[in-house]
Amino acid sequence: MSERKTVPAAGAWGPIIGYSRAVRAGQSVNVAGTTAPGADLAEQTRAAFGVALDAAAELGATPADVVRTRMFLTDISQWEAAGRVHGELFGDSKPVTTMVEVSALIDSELLIEVELEAYVPEGR
């Protein structure tokens, strides 16, 4: 597969910023920074990764194909809530991950933004 495929960014910010939710080029799938509303950090983490994994799935990637994740938290003292959800979602596949604190996200009610990269086996 040498062509480039994309999943459009949904919501109000996509057209303003001009980006795709996810891009597949060859066997690589990259999912842009993704957020989701929720009552607390764990709920937002689960929902954001859900959106990101759904976009990756549209391009042929499964959670087991994810090789890297990034989590950007507005309060790093809550790292364990995000980490536990990450562990539940990726279980035995254990992608490399980065978790850092940021001063703010695009909306003050958002507590986390996530990204992921996947490598889809040849022929899929």
PDB file of N, CA and C in Angstrom:
ATOM      1  N   MET A   1       0.848  -1.176   0.000  1.00  0.00           N
ATOM      2  CA  MET A   1       0.000   0.000   0.000  1.00  0.00           C
ATOM      3  C   MET A   1       0.889   1.233   0.000  1.00  0.00           C
ATOM      4  N   SER A   2       0.915   1.941  -1.099  1.00  0.00           N
ATOM      5  CA  SER A   2       1.756   3.133  -1.159  1.00  0.00           C
ATOM      6  C   SER A   2       0.940   4.411  -1.158  1.00  0.00           C
ATOM      7  N   GLU A   3      -0.354   4.294  -1.294  1.00  0.00           N
ATOM      8  CA  GLU A   3      -1.176   5.499  -1.300  1.00  0.00           C
ATOM      9  C   GLU A   3      -1.410   6.010   0.121  1.00  0.00           C
ATOM     10  N   ARG A   4      -1.804   7.243   0.190  1.00  0.00           N
ATOM     11  CA  ARG A   4      -2.075   7.880   1.471  1.00  0.00           C
ATOM     12  C   ARG A   4      -3.587   7.902   1.677  1.00  0.00           C
ATOM     13  N   LYS A   5      -4.027   7.478   2.854  1.00  0.00           N
ATOM     14  CA  LYS A   5      -5.441   7.500   3.214  1.00  0.00           C
ATOM     15  C   LYS A   5      -5.596   8.319   4.477  1.00  0.00           C
ATOM     16  N   THR A   6      -6.722   9.004   4.586  1.00  0.00           N
ATOM     17  CA  THR A   6      -6.943   9.844   5.763  1.00  0.00           C
ATOM     18  C   THR A   6      -8.329   9.603   6.357  1.00  0.00           C
ATOM     19  N   VAL A   7      -8.440   9.941   7.623  1.00  0.00           N
ATOM     20  CA  VAL A   7      -9.719  10.024   8.321  1.00  0.00           C
ATOM     21  C   VAL A   7      -9.875  11.499   8.661  1.00  0.00           C
ATOM     22  N   PRO A   8     -10.938  12.147   8.183  1.00  0.00           N
ATOM     23  CA  PRO A   8     -11.083  13.578   8.454  1.00  0.00           C
ATOM     24  C   PRO A   8     -11.300  13.869   9.938  1.00  0.00           C
ATOM     25  N   ALA A   9     -10.875  15.031  10.342  1.00  0.00           N
ATOM     26  CA  ALA A   9     -11.108  15.486  11.718  1.00  0.00           C
ATOM     27  C   ALA A   9     -12.553  15.948  11.817  1.00  0.00           C
ATOM     28  N   ALA A  10     -13.267  15.421  12.785  1.00  0.00           N
ATOM     29  CA  ALA A  10     -14.649  15.833  13.006  1.00  0.00           C
ATOM     30  C   ALA A  10     -14.672  17.014  13.970  1.00  0.00           C
ATOM     31  N   GLY A  11     -15.778  17.681  14.033  1.00  0.00           N
ATOM     32  CA  GLY A  11     -15.923  18.765  14.985  1.00  0.00           C
ATOM     33  C   GLY A  11     -15.524  20.119  14.418  1.00  0.00           C
ATOM     34  N   ALA A  12     -15.650  21.113  15.251  1.00  0.00           N
ATOM     35  CA  ALA A  12     -15.449  22.494  14.833  1.00  0.00           C
ATOM     36  C   ALA A  12     -14.009  22.842  14.509  1.00  0.00           C
ATOM     37  N   TRP A  13     -13.052  22.182  15.166  1.00  0.00           N
ATOM     38  CA  TRP A  13     -11.655  22.582  15.002  1.00  0.00           C
ATOM     39  C   TRP A  13     -11.028  22.078  13.711  1.00  0.00           C
ATOM     40  N   GLY A  14     -11.516  20.971  13.169  1.00  0.00           N
ATOM     41  CA  GLY A  14     -10.929  20.386  11.960  1.00  0.00           C
ATOM     42  C   GLY A  14     -10.800  21.357  10.798  1.00  0.00           C
ATOM     43  N   PRO A  15     -11.904  21.983  10.399  1.00  0.00           N
ATOM     44  CA  PRO A  15     -11.816  22.915   9.268  1.00  0.00           C
ATOM     45  C   PRO A  15     -10.975  24.163   9.557  1.00  0.00           C
ATOM     46  N   ILE A  16     -10.988  24.617  10.799  1.00  0.00           N
ATOM     47  CA  ILE A  16     -10.224  25.819  11.152  1.00  0.00           C
ATOM     48  C   ILE A  16      -8.728  25.538  11.091  1.00  0.00           C
ATOM     49  N   ILE A  17      -8.321  24.413  11.692  1.00  0.00           N
ATOM     50  CA  ILE A  17      -6.905  24.079  11.774  1.00  0.00           C
ATOM     51  C   ILE A  17      -6.405  23.427  10.490  1.00  0.00           C
ATOM     52  N   GLY A  18      -7.286  22.709   9.800  1.00  0.00           N
ATOM     53  CA  GLY A  18      -6.915  22.059   8.550  1.00  0.00           C
ATOM     54  C   GLY A  18      -6.063  20.823   8.764  1.00  0.00           C
ATOM     55  N   TYR A  19      -6.601  19.841   9.485  1.00  0.00           N
ATOM     56  CA  TYR A  19      -5.841  18.621   9.747  1.00  0.00           C
ATOM     57  C   TYR A  19      -6.741  17.403   9.610  1.00  0.00           C
ATOM     58  N   SER A  20      -6.117  16.237   9.539  1.00  0.00           N
ATOM     59  CA  SER A  20      -6.838  14.967   9.525  1.00  0.00           C
ATOM     60  C   SER A  20      -6.776  14.357  10.914  1.00  0.00           C
ATOM     61  N   ARG A  21      -7.786  13.595  11.286  1.00  0.00           N
ATOM     62  CA  ARG A  21      -7.761  12.868  12.553  1.00  0.00           C
ATOM     63  C   ARG A  21      -6.662  11.806  12.501  1.00  0.00           C
ATOM     64  N   ALA A  22      -6.569  11.132  11.326  1.00  0.00           N
ATOM     65  CA  ALA A  22      -5.559  10.080  11.186  1.00  0.00           C
ATOM     66  C   ALA A  22      -5.103  10.000   9.742  1.00  0.00           C
ATOM     67  N   VAL A  23      -3.858   9.553   9.563  1.00  0.00           N
ATOM     68  CA  VAL A  23      -3.279   9.387   8.228  1.00  0.00           C
ATOM     69  C   VAL A  23      -2.569   8.033   8.187  1.00  0.00           C
ATOM     70  N   ARG A  24      -2.828   7.302   7.091  1.00  0.00           N
ATOM     71  CA  ARG A  24      -2.068   6.075   6.841  1.00  0.00           C
ATOM     72  C   ARG A  24      -1.247   6.275   5.587  1.00  0.00           C
ATOM     73  N   ALA A  25       0.039   6.034   5.713  1.00  0.00           N
ATOM     74  CA  ALA A  25       0.972   6.066   4.584  1.00  0.00           C
ATOM     75  C   ALA A  25       1.754   4.764   4.656  1.00  0.00           C
ATOM     76  N   GLY A  26       1.539   3.895   3.685  1.00  0.00           N
ATOM     77  CA  GLY A  26       2.164   2.579   3.743  1.00  0.00           C
ATOM     78  C   GLY A  26       1.612   1.802   4.912  1.00  0.00           C
ATOM     79  N   GLN A  27       2.491   1.308   5.763  1.00  0.00           N
ATOM     80  CA  GLN A  27       2.068   0.515   6.909  1.00  0.00           C
ATOM     81  C   GLN A  27       1.959   1.341   8.191  1.00  0.00           C
ATOM     82  N   SER A  28       2.286   2.626   8.108  1.00  0.00           N
ATOM     83  CA  SER A  28       2.243   3.513   9.275  1.00  0.00           C
ATOM     84  C   SER A  28       0.914   4.235   9.382  1.00  0.00           C
ATOM     85  N   VAL A  29       0.367   4.246  10.582  1.00  0.00           N
ATOM     86  CA  VAL A  29      -0.857   4.984  10.881  1.00  0.00           C
ATOM     87  C   VAL A  29      -0.529   5.940  12.021  1.00  0.00           C
ATOM     88  N   ASN A  30      -0.832   7.219  11.819  1.00  0.00           N
ATOM     89  CA  ASN A  30      -0.611   8.246  12.839  1.00  0.00           C
ATOM     90  C   ASN A  30      -1.932   8.916  13.145  1.00  0.00           C
ATOM     91  N   VAL A  31      -2.241   9.022  14.427  1.00  0.00           N
ATOM     92  CA  VAL A  31      -3.473   9.673  14.854  1.00  0.00           C
ATOM     93  C   VAL A  31      -3.117  10.954  15.586  1.00  0.00           C
ATOM     94  N   ALA A  32      -3.729  12.040  15.156  1.00  0.00           N
ATOM     95  CA  ALA A  32      -3.469  13.374  15.709  1.00  0.00           C
ATOM     96  C   ALA A  32      -3.900  13.465  17.165  1.00  0.00           C
ATOM     97  N   GLY A  33      -3.458  14.514  17.815  1.00  0.00           N
ATOM     98  CA  GLY A  33      -3.882  14.794  19.177  1.00  0.00           C
ATOM     99  C   GLY A  33      -5.396  14.742  19.268  1.00  0.00           C
ATOM    100  N   THR A  34      -5.885  13.964  20.227  1.00  0.00           N
ATOM    101  CA  THR A  34      -7.313  13.681  20.340  1.00  0.00           C
ATOM    102  C   THR A  34      -7.767  13.926  21.768  1.00  0.00           C
ATOM    103  N   THR A  35      -8.875  14.613  21.906  1.00  0.00           N
ATOM    104  CA  THR A  35      -9.463  14.879  23.217  1.00  0.00           C
ATOM    105  C   THR A  35     -10.902  14.402  23.212  1.00  0.00           C
ATOM    106  N   ALA A  36     -11.486  14.343  24.389  1.00  0.00           N
ATOM    107  CA  ALA A  36     -12.902  14.006  24.525  1.00  0.00           C
ATOM    108  C   ALA A  36     -13.381  14.526  25.872  1.00  0.00           C
ATOM    109  N   PRO A  37     -14.617  14.979  25.924  1.00  0.00           N
ATOM    110  CA  PRO A  37     -15.135  15.448  27.208  1.00  0.00           C
ATOM    111  C   PRO A  37     -15.380  14.282  28.158  1.00  0.00           C
ATOM    112  N   GLY A  38     -15.486  14.593  29.420  1.00  0.00           N
ATOM    113  CA  GLY A  38     -15.776  13.579  30.430  1.00  0.00           C
ATOM    114  C   GLY A  38     -15.734  14.196  31.801  1.00  0.00           C
ATOM    115  N   ALA A  39     -16.263  13.472  32.767  1.00  0.00           N
ATOM    116  CA  ALA A  39     -16.373  13.988  34.130  1.00  0.00           C
ATOM    117  C   ALA A  39     -15.031  14.068  34.842  1.00  0.00           C
ATOM    118  N   ASP A  40     -14.114  13.138  34.509  1.00  0.00           N
ATOM    119  CA  ASP A  40     -12.821  13.127  35.200  1.00  0.00           C
ATOM    120  C   ASP A  40     -11.738  12.664  34.231  1.00  0.00           C
ATOM    121  N   LEU A  41     -10.518  12.614  34.720  1.00  0.00           N
ATOM    122  CA  LEU A  41      -9.390  12.276  33.849  1.00  0.00           C
ATOM    123  C   LEU A  41      -9.508  10.863  33.282  1.00  0.00           C
ATOM    124  N   ALA A  42      -9.891   9.894  34.092  1.00  0.00           N
ATOM    125  CA  ALA A  42     -10.010   8.522  33.596  1.00  0.00           C
ATOM    126  C   ALA A  42     -11.049   8.443  32.477  1.00  0.00           C
ATOM    127  N   GLU A  43     -12.185   9.068  32.674  1.00  0.00           N
ATOM    128  CA  GLU A  43     -13.240   9.059  31.657  1.00  0.00           C
ATOM    129  C   GLU A  43     -12.777   9.749  30.374  1.00  0.00           C
ATOM    130  N   GLN A  44     -12.098  10.888  30.504  1.00  0.00           N
ATOM    131  CA  GLN A  44     -11.589  11.587  29.323  1.00  0.00           C
ATOM    132  C   GLN A  44     -10.517  10.765  28.609  1.00  0.00           C
ATOM    133  N   THR A  45      -9.664  10.091  29.377  1.00  0.00           N
ATOM    134  CA  THR A  45      -8.614   9.266  28.773  1.00  0.00           C
ATOM    135  C   THR A  45      -9.233   8.128  27.972  1.00  0.00           C
ATOM    136  N   ARG A  46     -10.195   7.435  28.562  1.00  0.00           N
ATOM    137  CA  ARG A  46     -10.861   6.316  27.894  1.00  0.00           C
ATOM    138  C   ARG A  46     -11.558   6.799  26.616  1.00  0.00           C
ATOM    139  N   ALA A  47     -12.251   7.906  26.709  1.00  0.00           N
ATOM    140  CA  ALA A  47     -12.994   8.426  25.553  1.00  0.00           C
ATOM    141  C   ALA A  47     -12.045   8.909  24.452  1.00  0.00           C
ATOM    142  N   ALA A  48     -10.980   9.601  24.826  1.00  0.00           N
ATOM    143  CA  ALA A  48     -10.040  10.118  23.826  1.00  0.00           C
ATOM    144  C   ALA A  48      -9.335   8.974  23.100  1.00  0.00           C
ATOM    145  N   PHE A  49      -8.872   7.975  23.864  1.00  0.00           N
ATOM    146  CA  PHE A  49      -8.260   6.823  23.206  1.00  0.00           C
ATOM    147  C   PHE A  49      -9.290   6.067  22.370  1.00  0.00           C
ATOM    148  N   GLY A  50     -10.537   6.062  22.794  1.00  0.00           N
ATOM    149  CA  GLY A  50     -11.584   5.430  21.994  1.00  0.00           C
ATOM    150  C   GLY A  50     -11.726   6.083  20.634  1.00  0.00           C
ATOM    151  N   VAL A  51     -11.740   7.395  20.608  1.00  0.00           N
ATOM    152  CA  VAL A  51     -11.816   8.137  19.337  1.00  0.00           C
ATOM    153  C   VAL A  51     -10.577   7.853  18.492  1.00  0.00           C
ATOM    154  N   ALA A  52      -9.408   7.894  19.136  1.00  0.00           N
ATOM    155  CA  ALA A  52      -8.152   7.657  18.408  1.00  0.00           C
ATOM    156  C   ALA A  52      -8.097   6.240  17.844  1.00  0.00           C
ATOM    157  N   LEU A  53      -8.494   5.257  18.637  1.00  0.00           N
ATOM    158  CA  LEU A  53      -8.466   3.866  18.168  1.00  0.00           C
ATOM    159  C   LEU A  53      -9.497   3.622  17.073  1.00  0.00           C
ATOM    160  N   ASP A  54     -10.647   4.279  17.152  1.00  0.00           N
ATOM    161  CA  ASP A  54     -11.650   4.161  16.081  1.00  0.00           C
ATOM    162  C   ASP A  54     -11.100   4.713  14.764  1.00  0.00           C
ATOM    163  N   ALA A  55     -10.404   5.850  14.840  1.00  0.00           N
ATOM    164  CA  ALA A  55      -9.802   6.427  13.629  1.00  0.00           C
ATOM    165  C   ALA A  55      -8.741   5.499  13.061  1.00  0.00           C
ATOM    166  N   ALA A  56      -7.911   4.931  13.930  1.00  0.00           N
ATOM    167  CA  ALA A  56      -6.884   3.995  13.476  1.00  0.00           C
ATOM    168  C   ALA A  56      -7.528   2.766  12.838  1.00  0.00           C
ATOM    169  N   ALA A  57      -8.629   2.293  13.413  1.00  0.00           N
ATOM    170  CA  ALA A  57      -9.329   1.125  12.868  1.00  0.00           C
ATOM    171  C   ALA A  57      -9.866   1.400  11.469  1.00  0.00           C
ATOM    172  N   GLU A  58     -10.313   2.626  11.224  1.00  0.00           N
ATOM    173  CA  GLU A  58     -10.787   2.982   9.872  1.00  0.00           C
ATOM    174  C   GLU A  58      -9.681   2.816   8.836  1.00  0.00           C
ATOM    175  N   LEU A  59      -8.443   2.861   9.292  1.00  0.00           N
ATOM    176  CA  LEU A  59      -7.294   2.723   8.393  1.00  0.00           C
ATOM    177  C   LEU A  59      -6.629   1.353   8.514  1.00  0.00           C
ATOM    178  N   GLY A  60      -7.309   0.415   9.177  1.00  0.00           N
ATOM    179  CA  GLY A  60      -6.821  -0.958   9.224  1.00  0.00           C
ATOM    180  C   GLY A  60      -5.974  -1.343  10.413  1.00  0.00           C
ATOM    181  N   ALA A  61      -5.815  -0.455  11.394  1.00  0.00           N
ATOM    182  CA  ALA A  61      -4.974  -0.744  12.559  1.00  0.00           C
ATOM    183  C   ALA A  61      -5.821  -1.220  13.741  1.00  0.00           C
ATOM    184  N   THR A  62      -5.289  -2.162  14.479  1.00  0.00           N
ATOM    185  CA  THR A  62      -5.926  -2.654  15.699  1.00  0.00           C
ATOM    186  C   THR A  62      -5.151  -2.126  16.906  1.00  0.00           C
ATOM    187  N   PRO A  63      -5.718  -2.239  18.108  1.00  0.00           N
ATOM    188  CA  PRO A  63      -4.955  -1.826  19.293  1.00  0.00           C
ATOM    189  C   PRO A  63      -3.611  -2.564  19.416  1.00  0.00           C
ATOM    190  N   ALA A  64      -3.543  -3.809  18.982  1.00  0.00           N
ATOM    191  CA  ALA A  64      -2.294  -4.571  19.045  1.00  0.00           C
ATOM    192  C   ALA A  64      -1.243  -4.024  18.082  1.00  0.00           C
ATOM    193  N   ASP A  65      -1.657  -3.250  17.072  1.00  0.00           N
ATOM    194  CA  ASP A  65      -0.723  -2.655  16.112  1.00  0.00           C
ATOM    195  C   ASP A  65      -0.116  -1.347  16.612  1.00  0.00           C
ATOM    196  N   VAL A  66      -0.636  -0.805  17.710  1.00  0.00           N
ATOM    197  CA  VAL A  66      -0.156   0.476  18.234  1.00  0.00           C
ATOM    198  C   VAL A  66       1.242   0.284  18.814  1.00  0.00           C
ATOM    199  N   VAL A  67       2.180   1.112  18.332  1.00  0.00           N
ATOM    200  CA  VAL A  67       3.563   1.020  18.786  1.00  0.00           C
ATOM    201  C   VAL A  67       3.985   2.191  19.675  1.00  0.00           C
ATOM    202  N   ARG A  68       3.252   3.301  19.616  1.00  0.00           N
ATOM    203  CA  ARG A  68       3.607   4.477  20.425  1.00  0.00           C
ATOM    204  C   ARG A  68       2.334   5.235  20.784  1.00  0.00           C
ATOM    205  N   THR A  69       2.288   5.699  22.034  1.00  0.00           N
ATOM    206  CA  THR A  69       1.235   6.613  22.461  1.00  0.00           C
ATOM    207  C   THR A  69       1.875   7.802  23.163  1.00  0.00           C
ATOM    208  N   ARG A  70       1.142   8.895  23.181  1.00  0.00           N
ATOM    209  CA  ARG A  70       1.568  10.079  23.933  1.00  0.00           C
ATOM    210  C   ARG A  70       0.355  10.605  24.684  1.00  0.00           C
ATOM    211  N   MET A  71       0.584  10.995  25.935  1.00  0.00           N
ATOM    212  CA  MET A  71      -0.485  11.560  26.753  1.00  0.00           C
ATOM    213  C   MET A  71      -0.018  12.906  27.296  1.00  0.00           C
ATOM    214  N   PHE A  72      -0.812  13.914  27.045  1.00  0.00           N
ATOM    215  CA  PHE A  72      -0.522  15.271  27.495  1.00  0.00           C
ATOM    216  C   PHE A  72      -1.567  15.628  28.549  1.00  0.00           C
ATOM    217  N   LEU A  73      -1.153  15.738  29.801  1.00  0.00           N
ATOM    218  CA  LEU A  73      -2.048  15.997  30.919  1.00  0.00           C
ATOM    219  C   LEU A  73      -1.883  17.424  31.411  1.00  0.00           C
ATOM    220  N   THR A  74      -2.993  18.019  31.840  1.00  0.00           N
ATOM    221  CA  THR A  74      -2.903  19.364  32.413  1.00  0.00           C
ATOM    222  C   THR A  74      -2.534  19.325  33.896  1.00  0.00           C
ATOM    223  N   ASP A  75      -2.597  18.136  34.496  1.00  0.00           N
ATOM    224  CA  ASP A  75      -2.203  17.985  35.902  1.00  0.00           C
ATOM    225  C   ASP A  75      -1.507  16.637  36.056  1.00  0.00           C
ATOM    226  N   ILE A  76      -0.181  16.632  36.011  1.00  0.00           N
ATOM    227  CA  ILE A  76       0.592  15.398  36.034  1.00  0.00           C
ATOM    228  C   ILE A  76       0.433  14.651  37.364  1.00  0.00           C
ATOM    229  N   SER A  77      -0.023  15.322  38.418  1.00  0.00           N
ATOM    230  CA  SER A  77      -0.224  14.628  39.693  1.00  0.00           C
ATOM    231  C   SER A  77      -1.320  13.566  39.593  1.00  0.00           C
ATOM    232  N   GLN A  78      -2.142  13.640  38.536  1.00  0.00           N
ATOM    233  CA  GLN A  78      -3.195  12.649  38.311  1.00  0.00           C
ATOM    234  C   GLN A  78      -2.756  11.554  37.330  1.00  0.00           C
ATOM    235  N   TRP A  79      -1.461  11.420  37.100  1.00  0.00           N
ATOM    236  CA  TRP A  79      -0.937  10.498  36.097  1.00  0.00           C
ATOM    237  C   TRP A  79      -1.469   9.080  36.231  1.00  0.00           C
ATOM    238  N   GLU A  80      -1.702   8.641  37.469  1.00  0.00           N
ATOM    239  CA  GLU A  80      -2.081   7.248  37.669  1.00  0.00           C
ATOM    240  C   GLU A  80      -3.445   6.933  37.057  1.00  0.00           C
ATOM    241  N   ALA A  81      -4.375   7.855  37.092  1.00  0.00           N
ATOM    242  CA  ALA A  81      -5.700   7.618  36.495  1.00  0.00           C
ATOM    243  C   ALA A  81      -5.568   7.391  34.991  1.00  0.00           C
ATOM    244  N   ALA A  82      -4.775   8.229  34.333  1.00  0.00           N
ATOM    245  CA  ALA A  82      -4.558   8.065  32.883  1.00  0.00           C
ATOM    246  C   ALA A  82      -3.764   6.791  32.612  1.00  0.00           C
ATOM    247  N   GLY A  83      -2.765   6.522  33.431  1.00  0.00           N
ATOM    248  CA  GLY A  83      -1.935   5.341  33.249  1.00  0.00           C
ATOM    249  C   GLY A  83      -2.719   4.051  33.386  1.00  0.00           C
ATOM    250  N   ARG A  84      -3.616   3.987  34.342  1.00  0.00           N
ATOM    251  CA  ARG A  84      -4.430   2.777  34.525  1.00  0.00           C
ATOM    252  C   ARG A  84      -5.310   2.510  33.303  1.00  0.00           C
ATOM    253  N   VAL A  85      -5.931   3.554  32.774  1.00  0.00           N
ATOM    254  CA  VAL A  85      -6.758   3.376  31.574  1.00  0.00           C
ATOM    255  C   VAL A  85      -5.894   2.911  30.412  1.00  0.00           C
ATOM    256  N   HIS A  86      -4.736   3.521  30.243  1.00  0.00           N
ATOM    257  CA  HIS A  86      -3.812   3.119  29.179  1.00  0.00           C
ATOM    258  C   HIS A  86      -3.480   1.633  29.314  1.00  0.00           C
ATOM    259  N   GLY A  87      -3.181   1.192  30.524  1.00  0.00           N
ATOM    260  CA  GLY A  87      -2.864  -0.205  30.768  1.00  0.00           C
ATOM    261  C   GLY A  87      -4.025  -1.129  30.432  1.00  0.00           C
ATOM    262  N   GLU A  88      -5.245  -0.719  30.771  1.00  0.00           N
ATOM    263  CA  GLU A  88      -6.432  -1.513  30.445  1.00  0.00           C
ATOM    264  C   GLU A  88      -6.619  -1.638  28.935  1.00  0.00           C
ATOM    265  N   LEU A  89      -6.416  -0.538  28.224  1.00  0.00           N
ATOM    266  CA  LEU A  89      -6.672  -0.524  26.783  1.00  0.00           C
ATOM    267  C   LEU A  89      -5.617  -1.282  25.979  1.00  0.00           C
ATOM    268  N   PHE A  90      -4.369  -1.200  26.394  1.00  0.00           N
ATOM    269  CA  PHE A  90      -3.295  -1.768  25.581  1.00  0.00           C
ATOM    270  C   PHE A  90      -2.724  -3.065  26.151  1.00  0.00           C
ATOM    271  N   GLY A  91      -3.086  -3.401  27.391  1.00  0.00           N
ATOM    272  CA  GLY A  91      -2.748  -4.691  27.970  1.00  0.00           C
ATOM    273  C   GLY A  91      -1.391  -5.247  27.586  1.00  0.00           C
ATOM    274  N   ASP A  92      -1.421  -6.415  26.961  1.00  0.00           N
ATOM    275  CA  ASP A  92      -0.189  -7.130  26.639  1.00  0.00           C
ATOM    276  C   ASP A  92       0.622  -6.517  25.505  1.00  0.00           C
ATOM    277  N   SER A  93       0.020  -5.655  24.677  1.00  0.00           N
ATOM    278  CA  SER A  93       0.780  -5.095  23.542  1.00  0.00           C
ATOM    279  C   SER A  93       1.812  -4.066  23.992  1.00  0.00           C
ATOM    280  N   LYS A  94       1.557  -3.385  25.097  1.00  0.00           N
ATOM    281  CA  LYS A  94       2.508  -2.463  25.727  1.00  0.00           C
ATOM    282  C   LYS A  94       3.295  -1.579  24.752  1.00  0.00           C
ATOM    283  N   PRO A  95       2.613  -0.629  24.090  1.00  0.00           N
ATOM    284  CA  PRO A  95       3.351   0.289  23.226  1.00  0.00           C
ATOM    285  C   PRO A  95       4.256   1.196  24.057  1.00  0.00           C
ATOM    286  N   VAL A  96       5.269   1.768  23.421  1.00  0.00           N
ATOM    287  CA  VAL A  96       6.049   2.787  24.132  1.00  0.00           C
ATOM    288  C   VAL A  96       5.128   3.974  24.357  1.00  0.00           C
ATOM    289  N   THR A  97       5.357   4.700  25.430  1.00  0.00           N
ATOM    290  CA  THR A  97       4.480   5.829  25.716  1.00  0.00           C
ATOM    291  C   THR A  97       5.255   6.975  26.341  1.00  0.00           C
ATOM    292  N   THR A  98       4.689   8.137  26.186  1.00  0.00           N
ATOM    293  CA  THR A  98       5.211   9.341  26.814  1.00  0.00           C
ATOM    294  C   THR A  98       4.046  10.008  27.523  1.00  0.00           C
ATOM    295  N   MET A  99       4.281  10.474  28.745  1.00  0.00           N
ATOM    296  CA  MET A  99       3.262  11.192  29.496  1.00  0.00           C
ATOM    297  C   MET A  99       3.917  12.458  30.028  1.00  0.00           C
ATOM    298  N   VAL A 100       3.384  13.607  29.638  1.00  0.00           N
ATOM    299  CA  VAL A 100       3.949  14.881  30.072  1.00  0.00           C
ATOM    300  C   VAL A 100       2.843  15.827  30.516  1.00  0.00           C
ATOM    301  N   GLU A 101       3.233  16.788  31.334  1.00  0.00           N
ATOM    302  CA  GLU A 101       2.300  17.818  31.750  1.00  0.00           C
ATOM    303  C   GLU A 101       2.414  19.015  30.806  1.00  0.00           C
ATOM    304  N   VAL A 102       1.264  19.562  30.456  1.00  0.00           N
ATOM    305  CA  VAL A 102       1.207  20.774  29.638  1.00  0.00           C
ATOM    306  C   VAL A 102       0.452  21.846  30.423  1.00  0.00           C
ATOM    307  N   SER A 103       0.684  23.102  30.085  1.00  0.00           N
ATOM    308  CA  SER A 103       0.045  24.174  30.840  1.00  0.00           C
ATOM    309  C   SER A 103      -1.439  24.323  30.519  1.00  0.00           C
ATOM    310  N   ALA A 104      -1.845  23.954  29.319  1.00  0.00           N
ATOM    311  CA  ALA A 104      -3.254  24.071  28.944  1.00  0.00           C
ATOM    312  C   ALA A 104      -3.510  23.312  27.651  1.00  0.00           C
ATOM    313  N   LEU A 105      -4.779  22.974  27.435  1.00  0.00           N
ATOM    314  CA  LEU A 105      -5.225  22.413  26.165  1.00  0.00           C
ATOM    315  C   LEU A 105      -6.164  23.420  25.512  1.00  0.00           C
ATOM    316  N   ILE A 106      -6.687  23.090  24.343  1.00  0.00           N
ATOM    317  CA  ILE A 106      -7.465  24.041  23.561  1.00  0.00           C
ATOM    318  C   ILE A 106      -8.758  24.479  24.262  1.00  0.00           C
ATOM    319  N   ASP A 107      -9.261  23.656  25.173  1.00  0.00           N
ATOM    320  CA  ASP A 107     -10.465  23.975  25.943  1.00  0.00           C
ATOM    321  C   ASP A 107     -10.132  23.727  27.411  1.00  0.00           C
ATOM    322  N   SER A 108     -10.449  24.660  28.264  1.00  0.00           N
ATOM    323  CA  SER A 108     -10.055  24.565  29.679  1.00  0.00           C
ATOM    324  C   SER A 108     -10.705  23.397  30.417  1.00  0.00           C
ATOM    325  N   GLU A 109     -11.770  22.814  29.889  1.00  0.00           N
ATOM    326  CA  GLU A 109     -12.404  21.667  30.545  1.00  0.00           C
ATOM    327  C   GLU A 109     -11.725  20.340  30.196  1.00  0.00           C
ATOM    328  N   LEU A 110     -10.832  20.368  29.216  1.00  0.00           N
ATOM    329  CA  LEU A 110     -10.128  19.151  28.808  1.00  0.00           C
ATOM    330  C   LEU A 110      -8.921  18.925  29.713  1.00  0.00           C
ATOM    331  N   LEU A 111      -8.746  17.694  30.150  1.00  0.00           N
ATOM    332  CA  LEU A 111      -7.679  17.335  31.068  1.00  0.00           C
ATOM    333  C   LEU A 111      -6.556  16.557  30.407  1.00  0.00           C
ATOM    334  N   ILE A 112      -6.826  15.967  29.223  1.00  0.00           N
ATOM    335  CA  ILE A 112      -5.837  15.133  28.547  1.00  0.00           C
ATOM    336  C   ILE A 112      -6.044  15.192  27.044  1.00  0.00           C
ATOM    337  N   GLU A 113      -4.932  15.110  26.329  1.00  0.00           N
ATOM    338  CA  GLU A 113      -4.928  14.946  24.876  1.00  0.00           C
ATOM    339  C   GLU A 113      -4.015  13.760  24.595  1.00  0.00           C
ATOM    340  N   VAL A 114      -4.439  12.890  23.675  1.00  0.00           N
ATOM    341  CA  VAL A 114      -3.652  11.687  23.378  1.00  0.00           C
ATOM    342  C   VAL A 114      -3.327  11.623  21.891  1.00  0.00           C
ATOM    343  N   GLU A 115      -2.222  10.959  21.587  1.00  0.00           N
ATOM    344  CA  GLU A 115      -1.827  10.664  20.204  1.00  0.00           C
ATOM    345  C   GLU A 115      -1.437   9.193  20.158  1.00  0.00           C
ATOM    346  N   LEU A 116      -1.495   8.625  18.965  1.00  0.00           N
ATOM    347  CA  LEU A 116      -0.966   7.273  18.819  1.00  0.00           C
ATOM    348  C   LEU A 116      -0.408   7.041  17.428  1.00  0.00           C
ATOM    349  N   GLU A 117       0.501   6.082  17.366  1.00  0.00           N
ATOM    350  CA  GLU A 117       1.093   5.638  16.111  1.00  0.00           C
ATOM    351  C   GLU A 117       0.968   4.125  16.076  1.00  0.00           C
ATOM    352  N   ALA A 118       0.635   3.604  14.890  1.00  0.00           N
ATOM    353  CA  ALA A 118       0.511   2.161  14.726  1.00  0.00           C
ATOM    354  C   ALA A 118       1.293   1.734  13.492  1.00  0.00           C
ATOM    355  N   TYR A 119       1.679   0.476  13.493  1.00  0.00           N
ATOM    356  CA  TYR A 119       2.368  -0.121  12.351  1.00  0.00           C
ATOM    357  C   TYR A 119       1.566  -1.358  11.980  1.00  0.00           C
ATOM    358  N   VAL A 120       0.934  -1.289  10.795  1.00  0.00           N
ATOM    359  CA  VAL A 120       0.044  -2.359  10.342  1.00  0.00           C
ATOM    360  C   VAL A 120       0.871  -3.402   9.580  1.00  0.00           C
ATOM    361  N   PRO A 121       0.731  -4.683   9.924  1.00  0.00           N
ATOM    362  CA  PRO A 121       1.486  -5.716   9.236  1.00  0.00           C
ATOM    363  C   PRO A 121       1.218  -5.690   7.728  1.00  0.00           C
ATOM    364  N   GLU A 122       2.215  -6.058   6.973  1.00  0.00           N
ATOM    365  CA  GLU A 122       2.110  -6.087   5.521  1.00  0.00           C
ATOM    366  C   GLU A 122       0.938  -6.978   5.085  1.00  0.00           C
ATOM    367  N   GLY A 123       0.224  -6.530   4.088  1.00  0.00           N
ATOM    368  CA  GLY A 123      -0.893  -7.296   3.549  1.00  0.00           C
ATOM    369  C   GLY A 123      -2.233  -6.972   4.186  1.00  0.00           C
ATOM    370  N   ARG A 124      -2.257  -6.112   5.180  1.00  0.00           N
ATOM    371  CA  ARG A 124      -3.521  -5.737   5.804  1.00  0.00           C
ATOM    372  C   ARG A 124      -3.810  -4.291   5.540  1.00  0.00           C
TER     373      ARG A 124
END
